[in-house]
Amino acid sequence: MKIKELSVKISLLAFLAMRLLGGVKMAKCSVCGKATTFGNNVSHSHIRTNKQQKANIKKVKAVVEGTTKKVSVCTRCLRSGKVERA
């Protein structure tokens, strides 16, 4: 299978997955890479259901390589000073 055919099939699969998820966009910190995690809620009767824990991501103007850009950063990176705000 050629690389171009493979990339088309992968992008098609990604598109279909986005359609099934209802267009959910995964927010990810551009500094530390923190993103949405998945797990189970376990009730008292031990019934397991799916849950999502979304990272607290904020879009801020920051200085990146000497220029001002809007980047997605988690609040922990903001608080610890890993990002210089513009």
N, C-alpha and C. Protein backbone atom coordinates (compact mmCIF):
# COMPACT_ATOMS: atom_id res chain seq x y z
N MET A 1 0.84 -1.17 0.00
CA MET A 1 0.00 0.00 0.00
C MET A 1 0.89 1.25 0.00
N LYS A 2 0.57 2.18 -0.88
CA LYS A 2 1.37 3.40 -0.98
C LYS A 2 1.09 4.32 0.19
N ILE A 3 2.05 5.20 0.46
CA ILE A 3 1.94 6.10 1.60
C ILE A 3 0.76 7.06 1.43
N LYS A 4 0.55 7.56 0.22
CA LYS A 4 -0.55 8.50 0.01
C LYS A 4 -1.90 7.82 0.25
N GLU A 5 -2.06 6.58 -0.23
CA GLU A 5 -3.31 5.85 0.00
C GLU A 5 -3.52 5.61 1.50
N LEU A 6 -2.45 5.30 2.19
CA LEU A 6 -2.53 5.05 3.63
C LEU A 6 -2.94 6.31 4.38
N SER A 7 -2.35 7.46 4.00
CA SER A 7 -2.69 8.71 4.68
C SER A 7 -4.13 9.11 4.40
N VAL A 8 -4.64 8.83 3.20
CA VAL A 8 -6.04 9.13 2.89
C VAL A 8 -6.96 8.27 3.73
N LYS A 9 -6.62 6.99 3.89
CA LYS A 9 -7.45 6.10 4.69
C LYS A 9 -7.42 6.50 6.15
N ILE A 10 -6.25 6.93 6.66
CA ILE A 10 -6.15 7.36 8.06
C ILE A 10 -6.97 8.63 8.28
N SER A 11 -6.89 9.58 7.34
CA SER A 11 -7.66 10.81 7.50
C SER A 11 -9.16 10.53 7.41
N LEU A 12 -9.56 9.58 6.58
CA LEU A 12 -10.96 9.19 6.49
C LEU A 12 -11.43 8.58 7.80
N LEU A 13 -10.59 7.72 8.40
CA LEU A 13 -10.94 7.13 9.69
C LEU A 13 -11.05 8.20 10.77
N ALA A 14 -10.16 9.17 10.75
CA ALA A 14 -10.22 10.25 11.73
C ALA A 14 -11.49 11.07 11.55
N PHE A 15 -11.87 11.32 10.31
CA PHE A 15 -13.10 12.06 10.02
C PHE A 15 -14.32 11.30 10.54
N LEU A 16 -14.37 9.99 10.28
CA LEU A 16 -15.49 9.18 10.73
C LEU A 16 -15.55 9.13 12.26
N ALA A 17 -14.40 9.05 12.91
CA ALA A 17 -14.37 9.04 14.37
C ALA A 17 -14.89 10.37 14.92
N MET A 18 -14.54 11.49 14.29
CA MET A 18 -15.04 12.78 14.73
C MET A 18 -16.55 12.87 14.54
N ARG A 19 -17.07 12.29 13.45
CA ARG A 19 -18.51 12.30 13.23
C ARG A 19 -19.23 11.49 14.30
N LEU A 20 -18.65 10.34 14.66
CA LEU A 20 -19.27 9.50 15.68
C LEU A 20 -19.24 10.16 17.05
N LEU A 21 -18.18 10.88 17.35
CA LEU A 21 -18.05 11.54 18.65
C LEU A 21 -18.80 12.86 18.71
N GLY A 22 -19.42 13.25 17.62
CA GLY A 22 -20.18 14.49 17.62
C GLY A 22 -19.32 15.72 17.48
N GLY A 23 -18.17 15.59 16.85
CA GLY A 23 -17.31 16.73 16.62
C GLY A 23 -16.56 17.18 17.86
N VAL A 24 -16.28 16.27 18.77
CA VAL A 24 -15.58 16.62 19.99
C VAL A 24 -14.13 16.93 19.66
N LYS A 25 -13.66 18.09 20.11
CA LYS A 25 -12.28 18.49 19.87
C LYS A 25 -11.49 18.24 21.14
N MET A 26 -10.36 17.58 21.03
CA MET A 26 -9.55 17.28 22.21
C MET A 26 -8.66 18.48 22.50
N ALA A 27 -8.89 19.11 23.65
CA ALA A 27 -8.04 20.21 24.07
C ALA A 27 -6.76 19.65 24.66
N LYS A 28 -5.64 20.23 24.30
CA LYS A 28 -4.35 19.73 24.77
C LYS A 28 -3.45 20.91 25.08
N CYS A 29 -2.73 20.81 26.19
CA CYS A 29 -1.79 21.86 26.58
C CYS A 29 -0.59 21.84 25.64
N SER A 30 -0.22 23.00 25.12
CA SER A 30 0.90 23.06 24.19
C SER A 30 2.24 23.02 24.91
N VAL A 31 2.26 23.15 26.24
CA VAL A 31 3.50 23.12 26.99
C VAL A 31 3.80 21.72 27.52
N CYS A 32 2.87 21.17 28.30
CA CYS A 32 3.13 19.88 28.95
C CYS A 32 2.44 18.70 28.27
N GLY A 33 1.50 18.97 27.36
CA GLY A 33 0.83 17.89 26.64
C GLY A 33 -0.35 17.28 27.38
N LYS A 34 -0.77 17.89 28.49
CA LYS A 34 -1.91 17.37 29.25
C LYS A 34 -3.17 17.47 28.39
N ALA A 35 -3.99 16.40 28.39
CA ALA A 35 -5.19 16.37 27.56
C ALA A 35 -6.30 15.64 28.32
N THR A 36 -7.38 15.35 27.62
CA THR A 36 -8.51 14.64 28.21
C THR A 36 -8.09 13.21 28.54
N THR A 37 -8.48 12.75 29.74
CA THR A 37 -8.24 11.36 30.12
C THR A 37 -9.58 10.66 30.28
N PHE A 38 -9.57 9.36 30.09
CA PHE A 38 -10.79 8.57 30.14
C PHE A 38 -10.67 7.53 31.23
N GLY A 39 -11.79 7.19 31.82
CA GLY A 39 -11.80 6.19 32.88
C GLY A 39 -13.20 5.68 33.11
N ASN A 40 -13.45 5.14 34.30
CA ASN A 40 -14.75 4.60 34.65
C ASN A 40 -15.26 5.22 35.93
N ASN A 41 -16.57 5.52 35.94
CA ASN A 41 -17.26 5.81 37.20
C ASN A 41 -17.68 4.46 37.76
N VAL A 42 -17.43 4.22 39.03
CA VAL A 42 -17.83 2.96 39.66
C VAL A 42 -18.84 3.30 40.75
N SER A 43 -20.07 2.83 40.58
CA SER A 43 -21.12 3.13 41.53
C SER A 43 -21.02 2.22 42.75
N HIS A 44 -21.90 2.45 43.72
CA HIS A 44 -21.93 1.64 44.94
C HIS A 44 -22.22 0.17 44.60
N SER A 45 -23.06 -0.06 43.57
CA SER A 45 -23.37 -1.43 43.16
C SER A 45 -22.34 -1.98 42.17
N HIS A 46 -21.24 -1.24 41.99
CA HIS A 46 -20.10 -1.63 41.16
C HIS A 46 -20.42 -1.67 39.66
N ILE A 47 -21.41 -0.88 39.25
CA ILE A 47 -21.70 -0.74 37.83
C ILE A 47 -20.74 0.30 37.28
N ARG A 48 -20.07 -0.03 36.19
CA ARG A 48 -19.08 0.87 35.62
C ARG A 48 -19.65 1.59 34.41
N THR A 49 -19.48 2.91 34.38
CA THR A 49 -19.87 3.73 33.23
C THR A 49 -18.67 4.58 32.84
N ASN A 50 -18.66 5.00 31.60
CA ASN A 50 -17.53 5.78 31.09
C ASN A 50 -17.56 7.21 31.62
N LYS A 51 -16.37 7.78 31.81
CA LYS A 51 -16.28 9.18 32.19
C LYS A 51 -15.08 9.82 31.51
N GLN A 52 -15.15 11.13 31.38
CA GLN A 52 -14.05 11.93 30.83
C GLN A 52 -13.61 12.92 31.88
N GLN A 53 -12.31 13.13 31.98
CA GLN A 53 -11.78 14.19 32.82
C GLN A 53 -11.02 15.13 31.90
N LYS A 54 -11.60 16.31 31.69
CA LYS A 54 -10.98 17.26 30.78
C LYS A 54 -9.99 18.14 31.53
N ALA A 55 -8.88 18.39 30.90
CA ALA A 55 -7.86 19.27 31.48
C ALA A 55 -8.38 20.70 31.44
N ASN A 56 -7.98 21.52 32.40
CA ASN A 56 -8.41 22.91 32.48
C ASN A 56 -7.53 23.74 31.55
N ILE A 57 -7.94 23.82 30.29
CA ILE A 57 -7.17 24.46 29.23
C ILE A 57 -7.71 25.86 28.98
N LYS A 58 -6.81 26.83 28.91
CA LYS A 58 -7.18 28.21 28.59
C LYS A 58 -6.40 28.67 27.37
N LYS A 59 -7.04 29.49 26.53
CA LYS A 59 -6.33 30.10 25.40
C LYS A 59 -5.80 31.44 25.86
N VAL A 60 -4.49 31.60 25.83
CA VAL A 60 -3.86 32.84 26.28
C VAL A 60 -2.89 33.34 25.22
N LYS A 61 -2.66 34.65 25.25
CA LYS A 61 -1.62 35.23 24.40
C LYS A 61 -0.31 35.07 25.14
N ALA A 62 0.65 34.44 24.49
CA ALA A 62 1.93 34.19 25.13
C ALA A 62 3.06 34.51 24.16
N VAL A 63 4.23 34.74 24.72
CA VAL A 63 5.42 35.00 23.91
C VAL A 63 6.04 33.65 23.55
N VAL A 64 6.04 33.34 22.25
CA VAL A 64 6.62 32.10 21.75
C VAL A 64 7.69 32.45 20.74
N GLU A 65 8.93 32.13 21.08
CA GLU A 65 10.08 32.41 20.21
C GLU A 65 10.14 33.88 19.80
N GLY A 66 9.88 34.77 20.74
CA GLY A 66 9.99 36.20 20.49
C GLY A 66 8.77 36.85 19.87
N THR A 67 7.76 36.08 19.48
CA THR A 67 6.55 36.65 18.90
C THR A 67 5.35 36.30 19.78
N THR A 68 4.30 37.11 19.66
CA THR A 68 3.09 36.87 20.43
C THR A 68 2.17 35.96 19.65
N LYS A 69 1.73 34.87 20.30
CA LYS A 69 0.81 33.92 19.68
C LYS A 69 -0.26 33.53 20.68
N LYS A 70 -1.42 33.09 20.18
CA LYS A 70 -2.44 32.53 21.04
C LYS A 70 -2.18 31.03 21.15
N VAL A 71 -2.00 30.55 22.36
CA VAL A 71 -1.72 29.13 22.58
C VAL A 71 -2.67 28.58 23.63
N SER A 72 -2.91 27.28 23.57
CA SER A 72 -3.72 26.57 24.56
C SER A 72 -2.79 26.06 25.64
N VAL A 73 -3.04 26.50 26.89
CA VAL A 73 -2.17 26.16 28.00
C VAL A 73 -3.03 25.75 29.18
N CYS A 74 -2.59 24.71 29.91
CA CYS A 74 -3.33 24.31 31.11
C CYS A 74 -3.03 25.30 32.23
N THR A 75 -3.93 25.36 33.20
CA THR A 75 -3.79 26.34 34.27
C THR A 75 -2.61 26.04 35.17
N ARG A 76 -2.20 24.80 35.27
CA ARG A 76 -1.02 24.47 36.08
C ARG A 76 0.23 25.08 35.47
N CYS A 77 0.37 25.02 34.14
CA CYS A 77 1.53 25.64 33.48
C CYS A 77 1.49 27.16 33.61
N LEU A 78 0.28 27.75 33.57
CA LEU A 78 0.16 29.19 33.76
C LEU A 78 0.60 29.57 35.17
N ARG A 79 0.13 28.83 36.16
CA ARG A 79 0.40 29.16 37.55
C ARG A 79 1.87 28.97 37.90
N SER A 80 2.50 27.96 37.32
CA SER A 80 3.90 27.67 37.66
C SER A 80 4.88 28.57 36.92
N GLY A 81 4.40 29.37 35.97
CA GLY A 81 5.27 30.31 35.28
C GLY A 81 6.01 29.71 34.10
N LYS A 82 5.54 28.61 33.57
CA LYS A 82 6.19 27.99 32.40
C LYS A 82 5.90 28.76 31.12
N VAL A 83 4.88 29.66 31.19
CA VAL A 83 4.47 30.43 30.03
C VAL A 83 4.61 31.92 30.35
N GLU A 84 5.24 32.67 29.43
CA GLU A 84 5.34 34.11 29.60
C GLU A 84 4.21 34.75 28.83
N ARG A 85 3.28 35.38 29.57
CA ARG A 85 2.12 36.00 28.92
C ARG A 85 2.53 37.30 28.22
N ALA A 86 1.81 37.58 27.14
CA ALA A 86 2.10 38.78 26.36
C ALA A 86 1.22 39.93 26.81
